[in-house]
Amino acid sequence: MIIQTGFKTPEERQAEEEKEFITMWRKLTTQQKIIMKRLMIRLINKQAAPPTEANIYNL
């Protein structure tokens, strides 16, 4: 018997966030996607030193 507590595991939470992101991404226009990619590249560059080509092109 499974008792539902309302709490989600980190994996379930991450899967839900990824699903929400994909849904949101599909609704963006091309111009908005370009802006988002630039923002993500900046974020990656701040976190990873030095940035690699793989980091940028995997977006």
PDB file of N, CA and C in Angstrom:
ATOM      1  N   MET A   1       0.845  -1.189   0.000  1.00  0.00           N
ATOM      2  CA  MET A   1       0.000   0.000   0.000  1.00  0.00           C
ATOM      3  C   MET A   1       0.886   1.248   0.000  1.00  0.00           C
ATOM      4  N   ILE A   2       0.632   2.153  -0.935  1.00  0.00           N
ATOM      5  CA  ILE A   2       1.418   3.378  -1.033  1.00  0.00           C
ATOM      6  C   ILE A   2       0.643   4.511  -0.365  1.00  0.00           C
ATOM      7  N   ILE A   3       1.310   5.173   0.554  1.00  0.00           N
ATOM      8  CA  ILE A   3       0.689   6.307   1.241  1.00  0.00           C
ATOM      9  C   ILE A   3       1.221   7.584   0.594  1.00  0.00           C
ATOM     10  N   GLN A   4       0.331   8.396   0.070  1.00  0.00           N
ATOM     11  CA  GLN A   4       0.751   9.638  -0.562  1.00  0.00           C
ATOM     12  C   GLN A   4       0.804  10.747   0.479  1.00  0.00           C
ATOM     13  N   THR A   5       1.979  11.347   0.599  1.00  0.00           N
ATOM     14  CA  THR A   5       2.172  12.386   1.604  1.00  0.00           C
ATOM     15  C   THR A   5       2.120  13.782   1.001  1.00  0.00           C
ATOM     16  N   GLY A   6       2.154  13.860  -0.327  1.00  0.00           N
ATOM     17  CA  GLY A   6       2.180  15.174  -0.962  1.00  0.00           C
ATOM     18  C   GLY A   6       3.595  15.661  -1.198  1.00  0.00           C
ATOM     19  N   PHE A   7       4.578  14.965  -0.631  1.00  0.00           N
ATOM     20  CA  PHE A   7       5.971  15.337  -0.841  1.00  0.00           C
ATOM     21  C   PHE A   7       6.489  14.644  -2.086  1.00  0.00           C
ATOM     22  N   LYS A   8       7.334  15.349  -2.829  1.00  0.00           N
ATOM     23  CA  LYS A   8       7.893  14.779  -4.050  1.00  0.00           C
ATOM     24  C   LYS A   8       9.386  14.564  -3.860  1.00  0.00           C
ATOM     25  N   THR A   9       9.879  13.519  -4.477  1.00  0.00           N
ATOM     26  CA  THR A   9      11.316  13.262  -4.422  1.00  0.00           C
ATOM     27  C   THR A   9      12.006  14.304  -5.297  1.00  0.00           C
ATOM     28  N   PRO A  10      13.298  14.530  -5.078  1.00  0.00           N
ATOM     29  CA  PRO A  10      14.025  15.481  -5.934  1.00  0.00           C
ATOM     30  C   PRO A  10      13.917  15.116  -7.418  1.00  0.00           C
ATOM     31  N   GLU A  11      13.894  13.816  -7.714  1.00  0.00           N
ATOM     32  CA  GLU A  11      13.794  13.376  -9.111  1.00  0.00           C
ATOM     33  C   GLU A  11      12.438  13.765  -9.704  1.00  0.00           C
ATOM     34  N   GLU A  12      11.378  13.571  -8.918  1.00  0.00           N
ATOM     35  CA  GLU A  12      10.036  13.934  -9.389  1.00  0.00           C
ATOM     36  C   GLU A  12       9.923  15.444  -9.595  1.00  0.00           C
ATOM     37  N   ARG A  13      10.500  16.184  -8.663  1.00  0.00           N
ATOM     38  CA  ARG A  13      10.463  17.645  -8.755  1.00  0.00           C
ATOM     39  C   ARG A  13      11.216  18.120  -9.995  1.00  0.00           C
ATOM     40  N   GLN A  14      12.397  17.529 -10.240  1.00  0.00           N
ATOM     41  CA  GLN A  14      13.200  17.919 -11.397  1.00  0.00           C
ATOM     42  C   GLN A  14      12.471  17.565 -12.697  1.00  0.00           C
ATOM     43  N   ALA A  15      11.859  16.393 -12.749  1.00  0.00           N
ATOM     44  CA  ALA A  15      11.125  15.980 -13.945  1.00  0.00           C
ATOM     45  C   ALA A  15       9.977  16.949 -14.229  1.00  0.00           C
ATOM     46  N   GLU A  16       9.310  17.382 -13.172  1.00  0.00           N
ATOM     47  CA  GLU A  16       8.203  18.332 -13.319  1.00  0.00           C
ATOM     48  C   GLU A  16       8.705  19.680 -13.831  1.00  0.00           C
ATOM     49  N   GLU A  17       9.838  20.145 -13.286  1.00  0.00           N
ATOM     50  CA  GLU A  17      10.415  21.416 -13.720  1.00  0.00           C
ATOM     51  C   GLU A  17      10.849  21.345 -15.176  1.00  0.00           C
ATOM     52  N   GLU A  18      11.452  20.214 -15.574  1.00  0.00           N
ATOM     53  CA  GLU A  18      11.882  20.052 -16.960  1.00  0.00           C
ATOM     54  C   GLU A  18      10.685  20.069 -17.907  1.00  0.00           C
ATOM     55  N   LYS A  19       9.610  19.421 -17.501  1.00  0.00           N
ATOM     56  CA  LYS A  19       8.395  19.379 -18.316  1.00  0.00           C
ATOM     57  C   LYS A  19       7.829  20.793 -18.477  1.00  0.00           C
ATOM     58  N   GLU A  20       7.799  21.555 -17.374  1.00  0.00           N
ATOM     59  CA  GLU A  20       7.305  22.932 -17.420  1.00  0.00           C
ATOM     60  C   GLU A  20       8.180  23.790 -18.325  1.00  0.00           C
ATOM     61  N   PHE A  21       9.514  23.594 -18.251  1.00  0.00           N
ATOM     62  CA  PHE A  21      10.438  24.372 -19.070  1.00  0.00           C
ATOM     63  C   PHE A  21      10.215  24.082 -20.554  1.00  0.00           C
ATOM     64  N   ILE A  22      10.070  22.797 -20.896  1.00  0.00           N
ATOM     65  CA  ILE A  22       9.862  22.410 -22.296  1.00  0.00           C
ATOM     66  C   ILE A  22       8.565  23.018 -22.826  1.00  0.00           C
ATOM     67  N   THR A  23       7.514  22.974 -22.008  1.00  0.00           N
ATOM     68  CA  THR A  23       6.230  23.562 -22.403  1.00  0.00           C
ATOM     69  C   THR A  23       6.387  25.057 -22.642  1.00  0.00           C
ATOM     70  N   MET A  24       7.078  25.736 -21.727  1.00  0.00           N
ATOM     71  CA  MET A  24       7.298  27.172 -21.846  1.00  0.00           C
ATOM     72  C   MET A  24       8.138  27.476 -23.084  1.00  0.00           C
ATOM     73  N   TRP A  25       9.184  26.673 -23.325  1.00  0.00           N
ATOM     74  CA  TRP A  25      10.101  26.887 -24.451  1.00  0.00           C
ATOM     75  C   TRP A  25       9.350  26.802 -25.777  1.00  0.00           C
ATOM     76  N   ARG A  26       8.437  25.846 -25.882  1.00  0.00           N
ATOM     77  CA  ARG A  26       7.676  25.666 -27.129  1.00  0.00           C
ATOM     78  C   ARG A  26       6.780  26.863 -27.431  1.00  0.00           C
ATOM     79  N   LYS A  27       6.395  27.603 -26.398  1.00  0.00           N
ATOM     80  CA  LYS A  27       5.502  28.751 -26.582  1.00  0.00           C
ATOM     81  C   LYS A  27       6.254  30.024 -26.975  1.00  0.00           C
ATOM     82  N   LEU A  28       7.580  30.002 -26.869  1.00  0.00           N
ATOM     83  CA  LEU A  28       8.364  31.198 -27.172  1.00  0.00           C
ATOM     84  C   LEU A  28       8.489  31.420 -28.676  1.00  0.00           C
ATOM     85  N   THR A  29       8.626  32.690 -29.055  1.00  0.00           N
ATOM     86  CA  THR A  29       8.901  33.015 -30.453  1.00  0.00           C
ATOM     87  C   THR A  29      10.388  32.790 -30.703  1.00  0.00           C
ATOM     88  N   THR A  30      10.777  32.803 -31.976  1.00  0.00           N
ATOM     89  CA  THR A  30      12.188  32.614 -32.329  1.00  0.00           C
ATOM     90  C   THR A  30      13.053  33.680 -31.662  1.00  0.00           C
ATOM     91  N   GLN A  31      12.600  34.930 -31.692  1.00  0.00           N
ATOM     92  CA  GLN A  31      13.370  36.020 -31.088  1.00  0.00           C
ATOM     93  C   GLN A  31      13.533  35.805 -29.581  1.00  0.00           C
ATOM     94  N   GLN A  32      12.484  35.361 -28.919  1.00  0.00           N
ATOM     95  CA  GLN A  32      12.563  35.107 -27.480  1.00  0.00           C
ATOM     96  C   GLN A  32      13.530  33.963 -27.186  1.00  0.00           C
ATOM     97  N   LYS A  33      13.551  32.940 -28.049  1.00  0.00           N
ATOM     98  CA  LYS A  33      14.469  31.814 -27.859  1.00  0.00           C
ATOM     99  C   LYS A  33      15.917  32.270 -27.988  1.00  0.00           C
ATOM    100  N   ILE A  34      16.179  33.162 -28.944  1.00  0.00           N
ATOM    101  CA  ILE A  34      17.537  33.690 -29.123  1.00  0.00           C
ATOM    102  C   ILE A  34      17.971  34.427 -27.856  1.00  0.00           C
ATOM    103  N   ILE A  35      17.090  35.245 -27.308  1.00  0.00           N
ATOM    104  CA  ILE A  35      17.395  35.990 -26.079  1.00  0.00           C
ATOM    105  C   ILE A  35      17.649  35.026 -24.922  1.00  0.00           C
ATOM    106  N   MET A  36      16.805  34.005 -24.789  1.00  0.00           N
ATOM    107  CA  MET A  36      16.972  33.013 -23.719  1.00  0.00           C
ATOM    108  C   MET A  36      18.312  32.296 -23.840  1.00  0.00           C
ATOM    109  N   LYS A  37      18.687  31.920 -25.061  1.00  0.00           N
ATOM    110  CA  LYS A  37      19.964  31.225 -25.254  1.00  0.00           C
ATOM    111  C   LYS A  37      21.126  32.116 -24.832  1.00  0.00           C
ATOM    112  N   ARG A  38      21.046  33.396 -25.190  1.00  0.00           N
ATOM    113  CA  ARG A  38      22.111  34.334 -24.789  1.00  0.00           C
ATOM    114  C   ARG A  38      22.206  34.434 -23.268  1.00  0.00           C
ATOM    115  N   LEU A  39      21.052  34.492 -22.609  1.00  0.00           N
ATOM    116  CA  LEU A  39      21.046  34.561 -21.145  1.00  0.00           C
ATOM    117  C   LEU A  39      21.625  33.288 -20.536  1.00  0.00           C
ATOM    118  N   MET A  40      21.265  32.124 -21.113  1.00  0.00           N
ATOM    119  CA  MET A  40      21.783  30.856 -20.591  1.00  0.00           C
ATOM    120  C   MET A  40      23.289  30.752 -20.805  1.00  0.00           C
ATOM    121  N   ILE A  41      23.768  31.242 -21.948  1.00  0.00           N
ATOM    122  CA  ILE A  41      25.210  31.228 -22.208  1.00  0.00           C
ATOM    123  C   ILE A  41      25.931  32.072 -21.162  1.00  0.00           C
ATOM    124  N   ARG A  42      25.384  33.258 -20.871  1.00  0.00           N
ATOM    125  CA  ARG A  42      25.990  34.114 -19.839  1.00  0.00           C
ATOM    126  C   ARG A  42      26.024  33.413 -18.491  1.00  0.00           C
ATOM    127  N   LEU A  43      24.932  32.755 -18.137  1.00  0.00           N
ATOM    128  CA  LEU A  43      24.852  32.047 -16.866  1.00  0.00           C
ATOM    129  C   LEU A  43      25.892  30.932 -16.810  1.00  0.00           C
ATOM    130  N   ILE A  44      25.985  30.151 -17.880  1.00  0.00           N
ATOM    131  CA  ILE A  44      26.967  29.060 -17.933  1.00  0.00           C
ATOM    132  C   ILE A  44      28.380  29.626 -17.826  1.00  0.00           C
ATOM    133  N   ASN A  45      28.638  30.720 -18.528  1.00  0.00           N
ATOM    134  CA  ASN A  45      29.974  31.313 -18.506  1.00  0.00           C
ATOM    135  C   ASN A  45      30.353  31.814 -17.116  1.00  0.00           C
ATOM    136  N   LYS A  46      29.378  32.269 -16.356  1.00  0.00           N
ATOM    137  CA  LYS A  46      29.662  32.727 -14.993  1.00  0.00           C
ATOM    138  C   LYS A  46      29.947  31.548 -14.068  1.00  0.00           C
ATOM    139  N   GLN A  47      29.279  30.411 -14.310  1.00  0.00           N
ATOM    140  CA  GLN A  47      29.428  29.256 -13.437  1.00  0.00           C
ATOM    141  C   GLN A  47      30.652  28.416 -13.778  1.00  0.00           C
ATOM    142  N   ALA A  48      30.920  28.248 -15.064  1.00  0.00           N
ATOM    143  CA  ALA A  48      32.009  27.371 -15.495  1.00  0.00           C
ATOM    144  C   ALA A  48      33.166  28.223 -15.995  1.00  0.00           C
ATOM    145  N   ALA A  49      34.332  27.964 -15.454  1.00  0.00           N
ATOM    146  CA  ALA A  49      35.505  28.702 -15.910  1.00  0.00           C
ATOM    147  C   ALA A  49      36.579  27.704 -16.298  1.00  0.00           C
ATOM    148  N   PRO A  50      37.141  27.777 -17.471  1.00  0.00           N
ATOM    149  CA  PRO A  50      36.697  28.587 -18.604  1.00  0.00           C
ATOM    150  C   PRO A  50      35.530  27.918 -19.320  1.00  0.00           C
ATOM    151  N   PRO A  51      34.714  28.690 -20.044  1.00  0.00           N
ATOM    152  CA  PRO A  51      33.596  28.079 -20.770  1.00  0.00           C
ATOM    153  C   PRO A  51      34.121  27.235 -21.924  1.00  0.00           C
ATOM    154  N   THR A  52      33.477  26.134 -22.168  1.00  0.00           N
ATOM    155  CA  THR A  52      33.896  25.286 -23.283  1.00  0.00           C
ATOM    156  C   THR A  52      32.889  25.428 -24.410  1.00  0.00           C
ATOM    157  N   GLU A  53      33.319  25.083 -25.601  1.00  0.00           N
ATOM    158  CA  GLU A  53      32.402  25.137 -26.746  1.00  0.00           C
ATOM    159  C   GLU A  53      31.202  24.234 -26.504  1.00  0.00           C
ATOM    160  N   ALA A  54      31.436  23.100 -25.875  1.00  0.00           N
ATOM    161  CA  ALA A  54      30.355  22.143 -25.616  1.00  0.00           C
ATOM    162  C   ALA A  54      29.263  22.787 -24.761  1.00  0.00           C
ATOM    163  N   ASN A  55      29.653  23.560 -23.754  1.00  0.00           N
ATOM    164  CA  ASN A  55      28.666  24.224 -22.894  1.00  0.00           C
ATOM    165  C   ASN A  55      27.746  25.126 -23.707  1.00  0.00           C
ATOM    166  N   ILE A  56      28.335  25.862 -24.636  1.00  0.00           N
ATOM    167  CA  ILE A  56      27.571  26.842 -25.397  1.00  0.00           C
ATOM    168  C   ILE A  56      26.700  26.169 -26.451  1.00  0.00           C
ATOM    169  N   TYR A  57      27.250  25.186 -27.145  1.00  0.00           N
ATOM    170  CA  TYR A  57      26.513  24.590 -28.263  1.00  0.00           C
ATOM    171  C   TYR A  57      25.503  23.542 -27.836  1.00  0.00           C
ATOM    172  N   ASN A  58      25.514  23.124 -26.590  1.00  0.00           N
ATOM    173  CA  ASN A  58      24.539  22.139 -26.125  1.00  0.00           C
ATOM    174  C   ASN A  58      23.218  22.769 -25.720  1.00  0.00           C
ATOM    175  N   LEU A  59      23.114  24.072 -25.824  1.00  0.00           N
ATOM    176  CA  LEU A  59      21.868  24.741 -25.423  1.00  0.00           C
ATOM    177  C   LEU A  59      20.760  24.446 -26.402  1.00  0.00           C
TER     178      LEU A  59
END
